[in-house]
Amino acid sequence: MAMSGLPVERLRIYLRQLPPGARALLITELERAVMRGDEIPGGEALLDEVRSAARESESSVPRAADPARLFFRALDPFLIDDDPAHKHLGRIARKALDPIWAWICRDLAPAEANIFRDEAGRALIAGDDAACERLSADLQDCVAAKIQAALTAAKIDDRARRRMIGQIGTPKAIEDARDLLIILNARDAIATIEGRLPEHIRNLADVPLDAVKAAVDLSIVSRHELLPYALVLVMGHLAAPWQVVRLAVKSAESDDATRIAASPYAIAVTMVLADIERMVIALKSHLKRGATGDAALLIKSIHDAARGLRTELDLSGDQPWARQLAAVRSDVADLLKTEVESVSGRVRRLLRPRPAAEIARKSVLDAGDVAETEALIELAGTCRHYASELAISEMTLRTFSELQRYLDTGTRTLLDGLRQAGESDGLFRQSQVDAAVRFCAKVFGEDYAALLAKAAEVAANAASERQAAPRPDSPPAPVAEARRA
């Protein structure tokens, strides 16, 4: 397949080489052209490729407003980047929005959606915010009424239920429709909750805890089904989202898991556990593609949330939440085991002393291998900090002890090799010592690495001086020159 004569693979390579700012500008301009109805080379296929390039580079994907996103704006606090098959309380998977919008436009409210797309598109291009809000609210009210009718029919008619599931097309179609219905019907209540919450809550305790509990209680007093959505809003304002479990503890007036499980706020614990499980899935993805920096951040978040649950709740005994948390910790340990235990082997492979005969002339260590190993050492260090909570203490202690012993003794051999290096193997031995300096900075600290770097400089200078000195069996330079003459 090609677009305007340009092979797709070449286009993909080009887009991934663009600076993030240039990609963002390109996405914005293409989306505006689509809204205006302009012809663009490649059409939606080109736009999809640009968005894909931005996602793969992990840069944010700016999205110019279009009618569908205008309609779904009320869902923004409740969207989650996860597989639509993994249903979360009070949330809708971002990937489910396109199928839901297609269902609305094709089956649920085709006439109303068609009018909305035309009028909202013109209002967006004109920058008429008031018209956008009015048109969006009208369609949201219409869609909510039609979803209510569809869900009622599906409840009493299995054939209607199957048809609805097939039309929506998401793995959790009925649940997604219910979430959309509740959020659309509760737009005003959701705005009220948002208005009562502090902008940023560093620590949900004491006065902030009382204020948040009062705001949530007041908002859900007549609409209990809003509780999970209210808790999602609260989590969005927390520096540490796991602290939402403190609402459950306060509601039950106890940290006993059994008493909390019997209270309405029990879903707060369920939601935090679901968030931890989602982070574990993301951790697996990051480790698979070698994104150790992102993995380290997730390890900290998982650790903090797991420790928070164990601190705030009494999870002793054979309790379902205790078993769920234990399973999560076991999954994390299994994920990290291979990564951490591979570090020592990778360091040994790179820093192994080699005889000159094994070293290709003017060769050096592969920079990518060195960078990956350095990142893995840093990941192992992160695991070491959070080992006890994640059930990996023995593994990380053993790995770091092996690294410390090997680097402490192995660097001396590397320095001796660099000091005695010749012209053909000097670059390789220098690259080994440079790698050792980077690794030692992660294991022993920057001061140790600085001393090693200084020793390496002295060894390299000694090798240079030795190579520059005339050999004992060579005639003095003036004699050699006279012989050549």
Protein backbone atom coordinates (compact mmCIF):
# COMPACT_ATOMS: atom_id res chain seq x y z
CA MET A 1 0.00 0.00 0.00
CA ALA A 2 1.23 3.55 -0.74
CA MET A 3 -0.07 7.05 -0.13
CA SER A 4 0.52 9.54 -2.98
CA GLY A 5 3.24 7.27 -4.31
CA LEU A 6 5.16 7.20 -1.00
CA PRO A 7 5.55 3.69 0.53
CA VAL A 8 4.03 3.47 3.97
CA GLU A 9 7.22 2.17 5.59
CA ARG A 10 9.26 5.12 4.32
CA LEU A 11 6.55 7.46 5.58
CA ARG A 12 6.62 5.83 9.01
CA ILE A 13 10.40 6.21 9.25
CA TYR A 14 10.15 9.87 8.24
CA LEU A 15 7.39 10.63 10.78
CA ARG A 16 9.31 8.97 13.62
CA GLN A 17 12.34 11.12 12.83
CA LEU A 18 10.38 14.37 13.11
CA PRO A 19 10.89 16.44 16.29
CA PRO A 20 7.92 16.12 18.70
CA GLY A 21 6.95 19.77 18.12
CA ALA A 22 6.80 19.29 14.36
CA ARG A 23 4.64 16.17 14.78
CA ALA A 24 2.29 18.04 17.11
CA LEU A 25 1.88 20.87 14.59
CA LEU A 26 1.30 18.39 11.77
CA ILE A 27 -1.42 16.56 13.73
CA THR A 28 -3.19 19.82 14.57
CA GLU A 29 -3.17 21.07 10.98
CA LEU A 30 -4.31 17.72 9.54
CA GLU A 31 -7.21 17.49 11.99
CA ARG A 32 -8.33 21.02 11.18
CA ALA A 33 -8.20 20.20 7.46
CA VAL A 34 -10.34 17.10 8.04
CA MET A 35 -12.91 19.16 9.99
CA ARG A 36 -13.09 21.70 7.16
CA GLY A 37 -13.61 18.93 4.65
CA ASP A 38 -10.39 19.71 2.77
CA GLU A 39 -8.77 17.06 0.63
CA ILE A 40 -5.47 15.93 2.15
CA PRO A 41 -3.00 13.39 0.68
CA GLY A 42 -3.58 10.06 2.36
CA GLY A 43 -6.63 11.33 4.28
CA GLU A 44 -7.35 9.64 7.60
CA ALA A 45 -4.65 7.02 6.89
CA LEU A 46 -1.98 9.72 7.00
CA LEU A 47 -3.43 11.18 10.21
CA ASP A 48 -3.44 7.72 11.82
CA GLU A 49 0.23 7.25 10.92
CA VAL A 50 1.21 10.60 12.47
CA ARG A 51 -0.71 9.81 15.68
CA SER A 52 0.89 6.35 15.81
CA ALA A 53 4.37 7.87 15.45
CA ALA A 54 3.64 10.26 18.33
CA ARG A 55 2.38 7.46 20.57
CA GLU A 56 5.40 5.24 19.86
CA SER A 57 7.76 8.09 20.69
CA GLU A 58 5.84 8.51 24.00
CA SER A 59 5.23 12.16 23.27
CA SER A 60 1.79 13.53 24.03
CA VAL A 61 -0.60 13.45 21.11
CA PRO A 62 -2.30 16.83 20.81
CA ARG A 63 -5.81 16.57 19.48
CA ALA A 64 -7.63 19.45 17.89
CA ALA A 65 -11.21 19.46 19.07
CA ASP A 66 -13.67 17.68 16.80
CA PRO A 67 -17.38 16.96 17.32
CA ALA A 68 -16.78 13.51 18.85
CA ARG A 69 -14.23 14.79 21.36
CA LEU A 70 -16.51 17.71 22.14
CA PHE A 71 -19.32 15.27 22.95
CA PHE A 72 -17.06 13.08 25.12
CA ARG A 73 -15.48 15.98 27.02
CA ALA A 74 -17.64 15.19 30.07
CA LEU A 75 -15.88 11.82 30.27
CA ASP A 76 -12.34 13.22 30.50
CA PRO A 77 -11.83 12.64 34.26
CA PHE A 78 -13.00 9.03 33.91
CA LEU A 79 -10.99 7.91 30.88
CA ILE A 80 -8.26 5.35 31.40
CA ASP A 81 -5.52 4.11 29.09
CA ASP A 82 -6.09 0.39 29.41
CA ASP A 83 -7.44 -2.56 27.48
CA PRO A 84 -11.24 -2.13 27.17
CA ALA A 85 -11.57 -5.75 28.30
CA HIS A 86 -10.24 -4.73 31.74
CA LYS A 87 -13.21 -2.95 33.24
CA HIS A 88 -12.51 -0.49 36.05
CA LEU A 89 -15.08 0.92 38.47
CA GLY A 90 -16.09 4.44 37.49
CA ARG A 91 -13.90 4.49 34.39
CA ILE A 92 -14.15 3.99 30.63
CA ALA A 93 -11.24 2.82 28.49
CA ARG A 94 -10.13 5.52 26.07
CA LYS A 95 -10.01 2.93 23.28
CA ALA A 96 -13.74 2.28 23.77
CA LEU A 97 -14.72 5.81 22.68
CA ASP A 98 -14.43 5.27 18.93
CA PRO A 99 -16.71 2.17 18.94
CA ILE A 100 -19.19 3.96 21.23
CA TRP A 101 -19.27 7.02 18.97
CA ALA A 102 -19.80 4.80 15.92
CA TRP A 103 -22.71 3.12 17.73
CA ILE A 104 -24.27 6.48 18.58
CA CYS A 105 -23.95 7.78 15.02
CA ARG A 106 -24.98 4.58 13.27
CA ASP A 107 -27.58 2.92 15.54
CA LEU A 108 -28.56 4.93 18.59
CA ALA A 109 -29.17 8.49 17.38
CA PRO A 110 -28.06 8.75 13.74
CA ALA A 111 -30.19 11.78 12.76
CA GLU A 112 -29.31 13.80 15.86
CA ALA A 113 -25.62 12.85 15.65
CA ASN A 114 -25.46 13.85 11.99
CA ILE A 115 -26.91 17.29 12.73
CA PHE A 116 -24.55 17.67 15.70
CA ARG A 117 -21.48 16.83 13.62
CA ASP A 118 -22.39 19.43 10.99
CA GLU A 119 -23.31 22.24 13.39
CA ALA A 120 -20.61 21.52 15.96
CA GLY A 121 -17.99 21.27 13.23
CA ARG A 122 -18.89 24.76 12.01
CA ALA A 123 -18.93 26.11 15.58
CA LEU A 124 -15.52 24.62 16.29
CA ILE A 125 -13.99 26.16 13.19
CA ALA A 126 -15.57 29.51 14.07
CA GLY A 127 -14.37 29.25 17.68
CA ASP A 128 -17.92 29.71 19.02
CA ASP A 129 -17.54 28.13 22.48
CA ALA A 130 -21.07 28.94 23.60
CA ALA A 131 -22.58 27.18 20.58
CA CYS A 132 -20.28 24.20 21.14
CA GLU A 133 -21.44 23.85 24.74
CA ARG A 134 -25.12 24.16 23.81
CA LEU A 135 -24.93 21.66 20.95
CA SER A 136 -22.94 19.20 23.04
CA ALA A 137 -25.38 19.38 25.97
CA ASP A 138 -28.38 18.84 23.67
CA LEU A 139 -26.90 15.72 22.11
CA GLN A 140 -25.74 14.40 25.50
CA ASP A 141 -29.29 14.68 26.86
CA CYS A 142 -30.66 12.96 23.76
CA VAL A 143 -28.11 10.14 23.88
CA ALA A 144 -28.66 9.60 27.62
CA ALA A 145 -32.39 9.15 27.07
CA LYS A 146 -31.83 6.70 24.23
CA ILE A 147 -29.24 4.70 26.19
CA GLN A 148 -31.70 4.44 29.09
CA ALA A 149 -34.34 3.05 26.72
CA ALA A 150 -31.85 0.64 25.15
CA LEU A 151 -30.66 -0.66 28.53
CA THR A 152 -34.25 -1.12 29.72
CA ALA A 153 -35.04 -3.13 26.60
CA ALA A 154 -31.87 -5.18 26.99
CA LYS A 155 -32.79 -6.01 30.58
CA ILE A 156 -36.08 -7.63 29.65
CA ASP A 157 -35.25 -8.93 26.18
CA ASP A 158 -32.18 -11.12 25.69
CA ARG A 159 -32.34 -10.64 21.93
CA ALA A 160 -32.20 -6.86 22.37
CA ARG A 161 -29.29 -7.30 24.77
CA ARG A 162 -27.30 -9.36 22.28
CA ARG A 163 -28.06 -6.86 19.52
CA MET A 164 -26.91 -3.96 21.70
CA ILE A 165 -23.68 -5.74 22.61
CA GLY A 166 -22.98 -6.45 18.97
CA GLN A 167 -23.72 -2.87 17.90
CA ILE A 168 -21.44 -1.29 20.50
CA GLY A 169 -18.69 -3.81 19.84
CA THR A 170 -16.55 -3.27 22.96
CA PRO A 171 -15.62 -6.20 25.25
CA LYS A 172 -17.69 -4.70 28.09
CA ALA A 173 -20.44 -3.14 26.00
CA ILE A 174 -23.29 -3.07 28.55
CA GLU A 175 -21.00 -1.79 31.31
CA ASP A 176 -19.60 0.91 29.02
CA ALA A 177 -23.12 2.03 28.10
CA ARG A 178 -24.11 2.21 31.79
CA ASP A 179 -21.03 4.26 32.62
CA LEU A 180 -21.78 6.67 29.79
CA LEU A 181 -25.41 7.00 30.88
CA ILE A 182 -24.54 7.75 34.51
CA ILE A 183 -21.87 10.30 33.60
CA LEU A 184 -24.06 12.11 31.08
CA ASN A 185 -27.00 12.25 33.47
CA ALA A 186 -24.81 13.43 36.35
CA ARG A 187 -22.90 16.20 34.59
CA ASP A 188 -24.10 18.86 37.02
CA ALA A 189 -23.45 16.72 40.10
CA ILE A 190 -19.97 15.85 38.82
CA ALA A 191 -19.22 19.55 38.29
CA THR A 192 -20.41 20.25 41.84
CA ILE A 193 -18.07 17.60 43.29
CA GLU A 194 -15.16 18.97 41.26
CA GLY A 195 -15.90 22.46 42.55
CA ARG A 196 -15.80 21.32 46.18
CA LEU A 197 -12.49 19.45 45.94
CA PRO A 198 -9.17 21.17 46.63
CA GLU A 199 -7.06 21.64 43.51
CA HIS A 200 -4.23 19.46 44.78
CA ILE A 201 -4.19 17.25 47.88
CA ARG A 202 -0.69 16.34 48.97
CA ASN A 203 -1.82 14.36 52.00
CA LEU A 204 -5.42 13.18 52.50
CA ALA A 205 -5.54 13.46 56.27
CA ASP A 206 -7.08 15.55 59.03
CA VAL A 207 -8.83 18.67 57.65
CA PRO A 208 -8.50 17.76 53.94
CA LEU A 209 -9.86 14.27 54.67
CA ASP A 210 -12.89 15.69 56.49
CA ALA A 211 -13.54 18.20 53.70
CA VAL A 212 -13.31 15.61 50.91
CA LYS A 213 -15.51 13.13 52.80
CA ALA A 214 -18.14 15.83 53.34
CA ALA A 215 -18.05 16.85 49.66
CA VAL A 216 -18.49 13.29 48.45
CA ASP A 217 -21.17 12.41 51.00
CA LEU A 218 -23.21 15.51 50.14
CA SER A 219 -23.03 14.82 46.42
CA ILE A 220 -24.05 11.15 46.54
CA VAL A 221 -26.70 11.34 49.26
CA SER A 222 -29.52 10.93 46.73
CA ARG A 223 -27.52 9.16 43.99
CA HIS A 224 -25.51 6.30 45.45
CA GLU A 225 -24.47 5.10 41.98
CA LEU A 226 -22.25 8.20 41.72
CA LEU A 227 -19.85 7.01 44.46
CA PRO A 228 -17.28 5.29 42.20
CA TYR A 229 -17.22 8.30 39.87
CA ALA A 230 -16.83 10.65 42.83
CA LEU A 231 -13.91 8.55 44.07
CA VAL A 232 -12.28 8.71 40.62
CA LEU A 233 -12.55 12.51 40.81
CA VAL A 234 -10.94 12.48 44.26
CA MET A 235 -8.10 10.25 43.05
CA GLY A 236 -7.43 12.74 40.27
CA HIS A 237 -6.74 15.45 42.88
CA LEU A 238 -4.48 13.30 45.09
CA ALA A 239 -0.69 13.40 44.92
CA ALA A 240 -0.87 9.72 45.97
CA PRO A 241 -4.12 8.23 44.56
CA TRP A 242 -3.94 5.21 46.87
CA GLN A 243 -4.78 7.54 49.80
CA VAL A 244 -8.43 7.38 48.71
CA VAL A 245 -8.67 4.27 50.93
CA ARG A 246 -8.59 6.63 53.90
CA LEU A 247 -12.15 7.59 53.02
CA ALA A 248 -13.10 3.95 53.50
CA VAL A 249 -11.31 3.77 56.85
CA LYS A 250 -13.02 6.96 58.01
CA SER A 251 -16.41 5.76 56.81
CA ALA A 252 -16.09 2.44 58.67
CA GLU A 253 -14.43 4.12 61.67
CA SER A 254 -12.01 1.19 61.68
CA ASP A 255 -9.01 -0.18 59.82
CA ASP A 256 -10.40 -3.71 60.04
CA ALA A 257 -10.74 -5.00 56.50
CA THR A 258 -13.88 -7.00 57.30
CA ARG A 259 -15.70 -3.94 58.66
CA ILE A 260 -14.54 -1.79 55.75
CA ALA A 261 -15.71 -4.42 53.25
CA ALA A 262 -19.23 -4.07 54.66
CA SER A 263 -19.29 -0.28 54.19
CA PRO A 264 -20.31 1.65 51.02
CA TYR A 265 -16.78 3.03 50.68
CA ALA A 266 -15.35 -0.49 50.33
CA ILE A 267 -15.12 0.15 46.59
CA ALA A 268 -12.28 2.61 47.32
CA VAL A 269 -10.05 -0.33 48.29
CA THR A 270 -11.21 -2.31 45.27
CA MET A 271 -10.35 0.62 42.99
CA VAL A 272 -6.86 1.05 44.45
CA LEU A 273 -6.14 -2.65 44.03
CA ALA A 274 -7.34 -2.44 40.43
CA ASP A 275 -5.02 0.53 39.87
CA ILE A 276 -2.07 -1.45 41.25
CA GLU A 277 -2.89 -4.38 38.95
CA ARG A 278 -3.05 -1.97 35.99
CA MET A 279 0.37 -0.59 36.93
CA VAL A 280 1.77 -4.12 37.03
CA ILE A 281 0.51 -4.73 33.48
CA ALA A 282 2.12 -1.45 32.38
CA LEU A 283 5.35 -2.46 34.16
CA LYS A 284 5.44 -5.67 32.16
CA SER A 285 5.04 -3.68 28.93
CA HIS A 286 7.82 -1.23 29.87
CA LEU A 287 10.22 -4.04 30.77
CA LYS A 288 9.44 -5.87 27.54
CA ARG A 289 10.46 -2.89 25.41
CA GLY A 290 13.41 -1.92 27.59
CA ALA A 291 11.94 1.31 28.97
CA THR A 292 13.69 0.93 32.31
CA GLY A 293 13.23 4.59 33.29
CA ASP A 294 9.45 4.30 33.04
CA ALA A 295 9.63 0.93 34.77
CA ALA A 296 11.50 2.45 37.72
CA LEU A 297 8.80 5.09 38.19
CA LEU A 298 6.10 2.42 38.13
CA ILE A 299 7.98 0.27 40.64
CA LYS A 300 7.98 3.19 43.06
CA SER A 301 4.25 3.83 42.50
CA ILE A 302 3.41 0.14 42.97
CA HIS A 303 5.52 0.01 46.11
CA ASP A 304 3.94 3.13 47.60
CA ALA A 305 0.40 1.94 46.89
CA ALA A 306 1.02 -1.57 48.26
CA ARG A 307 2.68 -0.20 51.37
CA GLY A 308 -0.14 2.33 51.78
CA LEU A 309 -2.76 -0.42 51.74
CA ARG A 310 -0.82 -2.53 54.24
CA THR A 311 -0.33 0.49 56.50
CA GLU A 312 -3.87 1.89 56.41
CA LEU A 313 -5.76 -1.42 56.55
CA ASP A 314 -5.54 -4.41 58.82
CA LEU A 315 -5.19 -7.14 56.21
CA SER A 316 -4.30 -9.94 58.58
CA GLY A 317 -5.91 -13.32 58.12
CA ASP A 318 -7.31 -14.96 55.02
CA GLN A 319 -9.11 -11.92 53.64
CA PRO A 320 -9.89 -11.43 49.88
CA TRP A 321 -8.09 -8.08 49.67
CA ALA A 322 -5.07 -9.58 51.44
CA ARG A 323 -4.97 -12.45 48.94
CA GLN A 324 -5.31 -10.04 46.02
CA LEU A 325 -2.47 -7.86 47.28
CA ALA A 326 -0.28 -10.91 47.90
CA ALA A 327 -0.89 -12.05 44.32
CA VAL A 328 0.11 -8.61 43.02
CA ARG A 329 3.35 -8.65 44.99
CA SER A 330 4.11 -12.12 43.66
CA ASP A 331 3.48 -10.97 40.08
CA VAL A 332 5.85 -8.02 40.52
CA ALA A 333 8.55 -10.29 41.96
CA ASP A 334 8.21 -12.65 39.00
CA LEU A 335 8.44 -9.76 36.53
CA LEU A 336 11.56 -8.27 38.12
CA LYS A 337 13.37 -11.54 38.84
CA THR A 338 14.64 -12.09 35.30
CA GLU A 339 15.64 -8.44 34.83
CA VAL A 340 17.52 -8.12 38.11
CA GLU A 341 19.24 -11.50 37.95
CA SER A 342 20.50 -10.78 34.42
CA VAL A 343 22.48 -7.71 35.52
CA SER A 344 25.56 -9.51 36.88
CA GLY A 345 25.90 -11.62 33.77
CA ARG A 346 25.65 -8.61 31.46
CA VAL A 347 28.28 -6.69 33.43
CA ARG A 348 30.65 -9.68 33.39
CA ARG A 349 30.21 -10.14 29.64
CA LEU A 350 31.06 -6.51 28.91
CA LEU A 351 33.93 -6.10 31.37
CA ARG A 352 35.55 -9.54 31.02
CA PRO A 353 39.34 -9.11 30.60
CA ARG A 354 40.35 -10.29 27.15
CA PRO A 355 43.75 -11.19 25.71
CA ALA A 356 44.88 -8.89 22.91
CA ALA A 357 44.43 -11.70 20.40
CA GLU A 358 40.65 -11.67 20.99
CA ILE A 359 40.26 -7.93 20.42
CA ALA A 360 39.66 -6.65 16.90
CA ARG A 361 41.89 -3.75 15.97
CA LYS A 362 40.45 -0.34 16.96
CA SER A 363 37.18 -1.96 18.20
CA VAL A 364 35.13 -0.73 21.18
CA LEU A 365 32.23 -1.97 23.29
CA ASP A 366 28.81 -1.53 21.74
CA ALA A 367 27.40 1.74 23.11
CA GLY A 368 23.86 0.36 23.10
CA ASP A 369 24.86 -2.66 25.20
CA VAL A 370 26.61 -0.41 27.70
CA ALA A 371 23.62 1.95 27.97
CA GLU A 372 21.16 -0.94 28.41
CA THR A 373 23.30 -2.54 31.09
CA GLU A 374 23.69 0.77 32.92
CA ALA A 375 19.91 1.21 32.84
CA LEU A 376 19.41 -2.31 34.21
CA ILE A 377 21.85 -1.61 37.05
CA GLU A 378 19.84 1.51 37.87
CA LEU A 379 16.62 -0.56 37.75
CA ALA A 380 18.17 -3.09 40.11
CA GLY A 381 19.08 -0.21 42.43
CA THR A 382 15.47 0.98 42.35
CA CYS A 383 14.30 -2.53 43.19
CA ARG A 384 16.76 -2.60 46.07
CA HIS A 385 15.14 0.48 47.62
CA TYR A 386 11.66 -1.05 47.45
CA ALA A 387 12.60 -4.70 47.85
CA SER A 388 10.87 -5.55 51.13
CA GLU A 389 7.40 -4.39 50.08
CA LEU A 390 7.69 -6.11 46.68
CA ALA A 391 8.97 -9.43 48.06
CA ILE A 392 12.32 -9.25 46.22
CA SER A 393 14.72 -8.57 49.10
CA GLU A 394 16.84 -11.72 48.83
CA MET A 395 17.15 -11.49 45.06
CA THR A 396 18.22 -7.83 44.95
CA LEU A 397 20.61 -8.24 47.91
CA ARG A 398 22.33 -11.17 46.19
CA THR A 399 22.58 -9.35 42.85
CA PHE A 400 24.01 -6.17 44.34
CA SER A 401 26.53 -8.11 46.43
CA GLU A 402 27.73 -9.89 43.29
CA LEU A 403 27.99 -6.60 41.41
CA GLN A 404 29.91 -4.90 44.19
CA ARG A 405 32.41 -7.75 44.50
CA TYR A 406 32.96 -8.04 40.76
CA LEU A 407 33.34 -4.30 40.13
CA ASP A 408 35.58 -3.80 43.15
CA THR A 409 38.04 -6.46 42.00
CA GLY A 410 37.46 -6.42 38.24
CA THR A 411 38.22 -2.74 37.75
CA ARG A 412 41.78 -3.26 38.95
CA THR A 413 42.34 -5.82 36.22
CA LEU A 414 40.82 -3.45 33.66
CA LEU A 415 43.13 -0.62 34.74
CA ASP A 416 46.16 -2.91 34.46
CA GLY A 417 45.03 -3.93 30.97
CA LEU A 418 44.61 -0.29 29.94
CA ARG A 419 48.04 0.57 31.34
CA GLN A 420 49.64 -2.18 29.24
CA ALA A 421 47.46 -1.64 26.15
CA GLY A 422 48.96 -1.37 22.72
CA GLU A 423 47.88 0.62 19.72
CA SER A 424 45.53 -2.09 18.44
CA ASP A 425 43.67 -2.92 21.67
CA GLY A 426 43.85 0.43 23.49
CA LEU A 427 40.49 1.77 22.34
CA PHE A 428 38.68 -1.40 23.40
CA ARG A 429 40.27 -1.46 26.84
CA GLN A 430 39.51 2.24 27.27
CA SER A 431 35.83 1.58 26.38
CA GLN A 432 35.73 -1.19 29.02
CA VAL A 433 37.09 1.13 31.69
CA ASP A 434 34.67 3.89 30.64
CA ALA A 435 31.79 1.43 30.98
CA ALA A 436 33.07 0.35 34.40
CA VAL A 437 33.10 4.00 35.52
CA ARG A 438 29.43 4.35 34.51
CA PHE A 439 28.47 1.10 36.23
CA CYS A 440 30.33 1.99 39.42
CA ALA A 441 28.52 5.33 39.57
CA LYS A 442 25.25 3.39 39.83
CA VAL A 443 26.54 0.84 42.34
CA PHE A 444 29.00 2.78 44.55
CA GLY A 445 28.13 6.41 43.84
CA GLU A 446 29.59 9.33 41.90
CA ASP A 447 32.58 9.88 44.22
CA TYR A 448 33.83 6.33 43.71
CA ALA A 449 33.28 6.64 39.95
CA ALA A 450 35.23 9.92 39.87
CA LEU A 451 38.21 8.27 41.57
CA LEU A 452 38.06 5.38 39.11
CA ALA A 453 37.91 7.81 36.18
CA LYS A 454 41.02 9.58 37.50
CA ALA A 455 42.84 6.27 37.84
CA ALA A 456 41.80 5.40 34.29
CA GLU A 457 43.21 8.71 33.03
CA VAL A 458 46.55 7.96 34.70
CA ALA A 459 46.59 4.44 33.22
CA ALA A 460 45.76 5.75 29.73
CA ASN A 461 48.54 8.36 29.95
CA ALA A 462 51.00 5.67 31.01
CA ALA A 463 50.01 3.57 28.00
CA SER A 464 50.42 6.54 25.66
CA GLU A 465 53.86 7.37 27.05
CA ARG A 466 54.96 3.76 26.75
CA GLN A 467 53.75 3.57 23.14
CA ALA A 468 55.52 6.84 22.28
CA ALA A 469 58.85 5.80 23.85
CA PRO A 470 61.42 4.25 21.44
CA ARG A 471 61.84 0.50 21.77
CA PRO A 472 65.13 -0.67 23.34
CA ASP A 473 66.17 -2.62 20.23
CA SER A 474 65.47 0.34 17.90
CA PRO A 475 68.24 2.72 16.87
CA PRO A 476 68.01 6.35 18.01
CA ALA A 477 65.80 8.47 15.80
CA PRO A 478 68.67 10.41 14.14
CA VAL A 479 70.43 7.14 13.23
CA ALA A 480 67.21 5.70 11.77
CA GLU A 481 66.70 8.83 9.70
CA ALA A 482 70.33 8.71 8.45
CA ARG A 483 69.87 5.09 7.40
CA ARG A 484 66.72 5.95 5.43
CA ALA A 485 68.61 8.77 3.73
